[in-house]
């Protein structure tokens, strides 16, 4: 089963990385594939309660590949970790089939309590370079998270999310209407200042009109 998973990972690189020339090159030279191979074995030991050996294997893999995958993480088939340096996948993270993860991605947890604290990715999810997905929530199938986005909330299927914090901008390939942006304290202070200036100008105009009307009445 492990060797079948490894072969599916190699095929995923061939299919989705235009720089890949053949399966042998991918197997020997791609650190993303190496990290997944190490993880398949480490996860087997983890599932059989041999936690020290599992963690030792994952640390060796981290040293050689610069990709850190906790042995407890559950990874599907056909995963592509492209370039890969700086990728971190936490203990309770789940990654579905045919996902693509670029360099600098973090599937991280929040809080210090035990239990589920890392995200769950559906199938065919693409996570751009430097993106952070933090928390115990689900990202639906066929989602895309833009480079450097920070995702803190669940996503439905077929959603594209961008920004910090990340927000959906497309659903099923159709652009979503923009949400009303939250005003910053600086913007609020500037707006308050402008309103006060306008009130003073209006009061001065009203006073000038009163004087003008009074002078007109005296002339009559």
Protein backbone atom coordinates (compact mmCIF):
# COMPACT_ATOMS: atom_id res chain seq x y z
CA UNK A 1 0.00 0.00 0.00
CA UNK A 2 2.83 2.40 0.88
CA UNK A 3 4.58 1.73 -2.42
CA UNK A 4 1.33 2.30 -4.33
CA UNK A 5 0.97 5.69 -2.58
CA UNK A 6 4.56 6.56 -3.51
CA UNK A 7 3.93 5.70 -7.17
CA UNK A 8 0.76 7.85 -7.19
CA UNK A 9 2.77 10.76 -5.76
CA UNK A 10 5.38 10.36 -8.50
CA UNK A 11 2.68 10.27 -11.17
CA UNK A 12 1.09 13.40 -9.68
CA UNK A 13 4.35 15.30 -10.14
CA UNK A 14 4.66 14.09 -13.74
CA UNK A 15 1.12 15.19 -14.54
CA UNK A 16 1.13 18.59 -12.82
CA UNK A 17 4.74 19.83 -12.97
CA UNK A 18 5.74 20.83 -16.52
CA UNK A 19 9.42 20.69 -15.50
CA UNK A 20 9.24 16.94 -14.71
CA UNK A 21 10.74 14.83 -17.51
CA UNK A 22 10.30 11.25 -16.35
CA UNK A 23 9.37 9.15 -13.33
CA UNK A 24 12.96 8.23 -12.45
CA UNK A 25 14.00 11.89 -12.30
CA UNK A 26 11.02 12.69 -10.09
CA UNK A 27 11.72 9.78 -7.76
CA UNK A 28 15.41 10.58 -7.35
CA UNK A 29 15.53 14.38 -7.45
CA UNK A 30 12.28 15.87 -6.14
CA UNK A 31 12.44 16.70 -2.43
CA UNK A 32 8.64 16.94 -2.24
CA UNK A 33 8.39 13.30 -3.24
CA UNK A 34 11.18 12.38 -0.81
CA UNK A 35 9.33 14.08 2.05
CA UNK A 36 6.16 12.17 1.20
CA UNK A 37 8.06 8.86 1.04
CA UNK A 38 9.59 9.46 4.47
CA UNK A 39 6.18 10.46 5.78
CA UNK A 40 4.46 7.29 4.49
CA UNK A 41 6.82 5.18 6.60
CA UNK A 42 6.75 7.51 9.61
CA UNK A 43 2.94 7.50 9.56
CA UNK A 44 2.92 3.67 9.59
CA UNK A 45 5.01 3.64 12.76
CA UNK A 46 2.82 6.39 14.26
CA UNK A 47 -0.33 4.36 13.62
CA UNK A 48 1.31 1.38 15.33
CA UNK A 49 2.06 3.46 18.46
CA UNK A 50 5.81 3.59 17.82
CA UNK A 51 5.88 7.34 18.28
CA UNK A 52 9.60 7.82 18.88
CA UNK A 53 10.63 6.03 15.68
CA UNK A 54 7.92 7.87 13.76
CA UNK A 55 9.12 11.26 14.98
CA UNK A 56 12.76 10.33 14.38
CA UNK A 57 11.99 9.53 10.75
CA UNK A 58 10.09 12.79 10.30
CA UNK A 59 12.99 14.78 11.78
CA UNK A 60 15.47 13.07 9.45
CA UNK A 61 13.18 13.91 6.54
CA UNK A 62 13.00 17.52 7.71
CA UNK A 63 16.80 17.73 7.81
CA UNK A 64 17.21 16.48 4.24
CA UNK A 65 14.18 18.06 2.55
CA UNK A 66 13.38 21.23 4.59
CA UNK A 67 9.79 19.97 4.66
CA UNK A 68 8.28 19.16 8.05
CA UNK A 69 5.33 16.75 8.11
CA UNK A 70 4.27 15.46 11.50
CA UNK A 71 3.97 11.65 11.39
CA UNK A 72 0.40 11.92 12.68
CA UNK A 73 -0.80 13.92 9.66
CA UNK A 74 -3.08 12.05 7.27
CA UNK A 75 -2.17 12.52 3.61
CA UNK A 76 -4.14 11.28 0.63
CA UNK A 77 -2.93 10.07 -2.77
CA UNK A 78 -1.39 11.97 -5.67
CA UNK A 79 -0.12 14.92 -3.61
CA UNK A 80 2.30 17.38 -5.20
CA UNK A 81 4.57 19.37 -2.88
CA UNK A 82 6.20 21.68 -5.41
CA UNK A 83 9.63 23.13 -4.48
CA UNK A 84 8.57 22.49 -0.89
CA UNK A 85 11.11 24.35 1.24
CA UNK A 86 9.50 25.62 4.43
CA UNK A 87 6.32 23.55 4.20
CA UNK A 88 4.94 22.61 7.64
CA UNK A 89 2.04 20.18 8.12
CA UNK A 90 0.79 19.67 11.68
CA UNK A 91 -0.11 16.53 13.59
CA UNK A 92 -3.89 16.55 13.13
CA UNK A 93 -3.89 17.97 9.60
CA UNK A 94 -5.65 16.01 6.87
CA UNK A 95 -4.79 16.49 3.19
CA UNK A 96 -7.09 14.98 0.56
CA UNK A 97 -6.23 13.39 -2.77
CA UNK A 98 -4.55 15.25 -5.65
CA UNK A 99 -3.75 18.38 -3.62
CA UNK A 100 -0.99 20.76 -4.67
CA UNK A 101 1.07 22.52 -1.99
CA UNK A 102 3.73 25.10 -2.83
CA UNK A 103 6.76 26.28 -0.83
CA UNK A 104 6.34 28.04 2.50
CA UNK A 105 2.86 26.70 3.20
CA UNK A 106 1.79 26.09 6.79
CA UNK A 107 -1.11 23.86 7.80
CA UNK A 108 -0.97 24.96 11.41
CA UNK A 109 -2.93 24.77 14.63
CA UNK A 110 -4.21 27.32 17.09
CA UNK A 111 -4.25 26.88 20.83
CA UNK A 112 -2.42 24.38 23.02
CA UNK A 113 -5.19 21.90 23.79
CA UNK A 114 -4.88 18.33 22.53
CA UNK A 115 -7.23 17.00 19.90
CA UNK A 116 -8.07 18.24 16.42
CA UNK A 117 -6.38 21.62 15.94
CA UNK A 118 -5.15 21.62 12.34
CA UNK A 119 -7.06 22.08 9.07
CA UNK A 120 -8.61 19.44 6.84
CA UNK A 121 -8.16 19.91 3.09
CA UNK A 122 -10.55 18.28 0.64
CA UNK A 123 -9.57 16.79 -2.69
CA UNK A 124 -7.93 18.79 -5.50
CA UNK A 125 -7.06 21.75 -3.26
CA UNK A 126 -4.31 24.14 -4.36
CA UNK A 127 -2.43 26.10 -1.68
CA UNK A 128 -0.23 28.88 -3.03
CA UNK A 129 3.31 29.72 -1.92
CA UNK A 130 3.57 31.16 1.58
CA UNK A 131 -0.11 30.63 2.42
CA UNK A 132 -1.08 29.86 6.02
CA UNK A 133 -4.14 27.80 6.93
CA UNK A 134 -4.59 27.96 10.69
CA UNK A 135 -7.20 26.17 12.76
CA UNK A 136 -9.35 23.04 12.97
CA UNK A 137 -11.75 23.63 10.10
CA UNK A 138 -12.44 22.19 6.65
CA UNK A 139 -11.47 23.47 3.23
CA UNK A 140 -13.80 22.05 0.58
CA UNK A 141 -12.92 20.17 -2.59
CA UNK A 142 -11.43 22.02 -5.58
CA UNK A 143 -10.57 25.14 -3.57
CA UNK A 144 -7.65 27.47 -4.32
CA UNK A 145 -5.90 29.53 -1.65
CA UNK A 146 -3.77 32.33 -3.08
CA UNK A 147 -0.08 32.87 -2.34
CA UNK A 148 0.61 34.49 1.06
CA UNK A 149 -3.06 34.28 2.08
CA UNK A 150 -3.92 33.62 5.73
CA UNK A 151 -7.01 31.44 5.92
CA UNK A 152 -8.77 31.34 9.30
CA UNK A 153 -12.27 30.15 8.36
CA UNK A 154 -13.81 27.17 6.51
CA UNK A 155 -14.35 27.26 2.76
CA UNK A 156 -17.11 25.61 0.74
CA UNK A 157 -16.33 23.54 -2.35
CA UNK A 158 -15.00 25.25 -5.49
CA UNK A 159 -13.99 28.51 -3.78
CA UNK A 160 -10.99 30.75 -4.46
CA UNK A 161 -9.76 32.74 -1.44
CA UNK A 162 -7.23 35.58 -1.25
CA UNK A 163 -5.94 38.13 1.25
CA UNK A 164 -5.08 38.55 4.93
CA UNK A 165 -7.31 37.33 6.39
CA UNK A 166 -8.35 35.32 3.35
CA UNK A 167 -11.84 35.88 1.94
CA UNK A 168 -13.65 34.14 -0.93
CA UNK A 169 -13.54 36.00 -4.25
CA UNK A 170 -14.85 33.26 -6.55
CA UNK A 171 -17.34 30.42 -6.27
CA UNK A 172 -17.61 27.86 -9.07
CA UNK A 173 -15.43 30.17 -11.17
CA UNK A 174 -17.81 33.13 -10.80
CA UNK A 175 -16.63 36.32 -9.06
CA UNK A 176 -18.40 37.09 -5.80
CA UNK A 177 -19.59 40.62 -4.90
CA UNK A 178 -17.11 42.50 -2.73
CA UNK A 179 -17.91 42.66 0.95
CA UNK A 180 -18.04 46.04 2.64
CA UNK A 181 -14.57 46.82 3.92
CA UNK A 182 -14.08 47.48 7.61
CA UNK A 183 -12.94 51.03 8.40
CA UNK A 184 -9.63 51.37 10.21
CA UNK A 185 -9.16 53.65 13.26
CA UNK A 186 -7.05 56.02 11.16
CA UNK A 187 -9.76 56.24 8.51
CA UNK A 188 -12.43 56.79 11.16
CA UNK A 189 -10.37 59.59 12.78
CA UNK A 190 -9.84 61.28 9.42
CA UNK A 191 -13.55 61.04 8.58
CA UNK A 192 -14.52 62.47 11.99
CA UNK A 193 -12.11 65.37 11.48
CA UNK A 194 -13.57 66.13 8.04
CA UNK A 195 -17.13 66.05 9.40
CA UNK A 196 -16.21 68.51 12.15
CA UNK A 197 -14.63 70.84 9.56
CA UNK A 198 -17.73 70.62 7.40
CA UNK A 199 -19.98 71.38 10.38
CA UNK A 200 -17.91 74.48 11.19
CA UNK A 201 -18.06 75.63 7.57
CA UNK A 202 -21.84 75.09 7.46
CA UNK A 203 -22.28 77.02 10.71
CA UNK A 204 -20.16 79.88 9.35
CA UNK A 205 -22.22 79.95 6.14
CA UNK A 206 -25.46 79.98 8.10
CA UNK A 207 -24.17 82.86 10.24
CA UNK A 208 -23.14 84.81 7.13
CA UNK A 209 -26.56 84.25 5.56
CA UNK A 210 -28.28 85.51 8.72
CA UNK A 211 -26.15 88.66 8.72
CA UNK A 212 -26.82 89.21 5.03
CA UNK A 213 -30.56 88.77 5.58
CA UNK A 214 -30.45 91.22 8.55
CA UNK A 215 -28.63 93.84 6.52
CA UNK A 216 -31.12 93.47 3.70
CA UNK A 217 -34.02 93.96 6.14
CA UNK A 218 -32.40 97.13 7.64
CA UNK A 219 -31.93 98.63 4.17
CA UNK A 220 -35.63 98.19 3.49
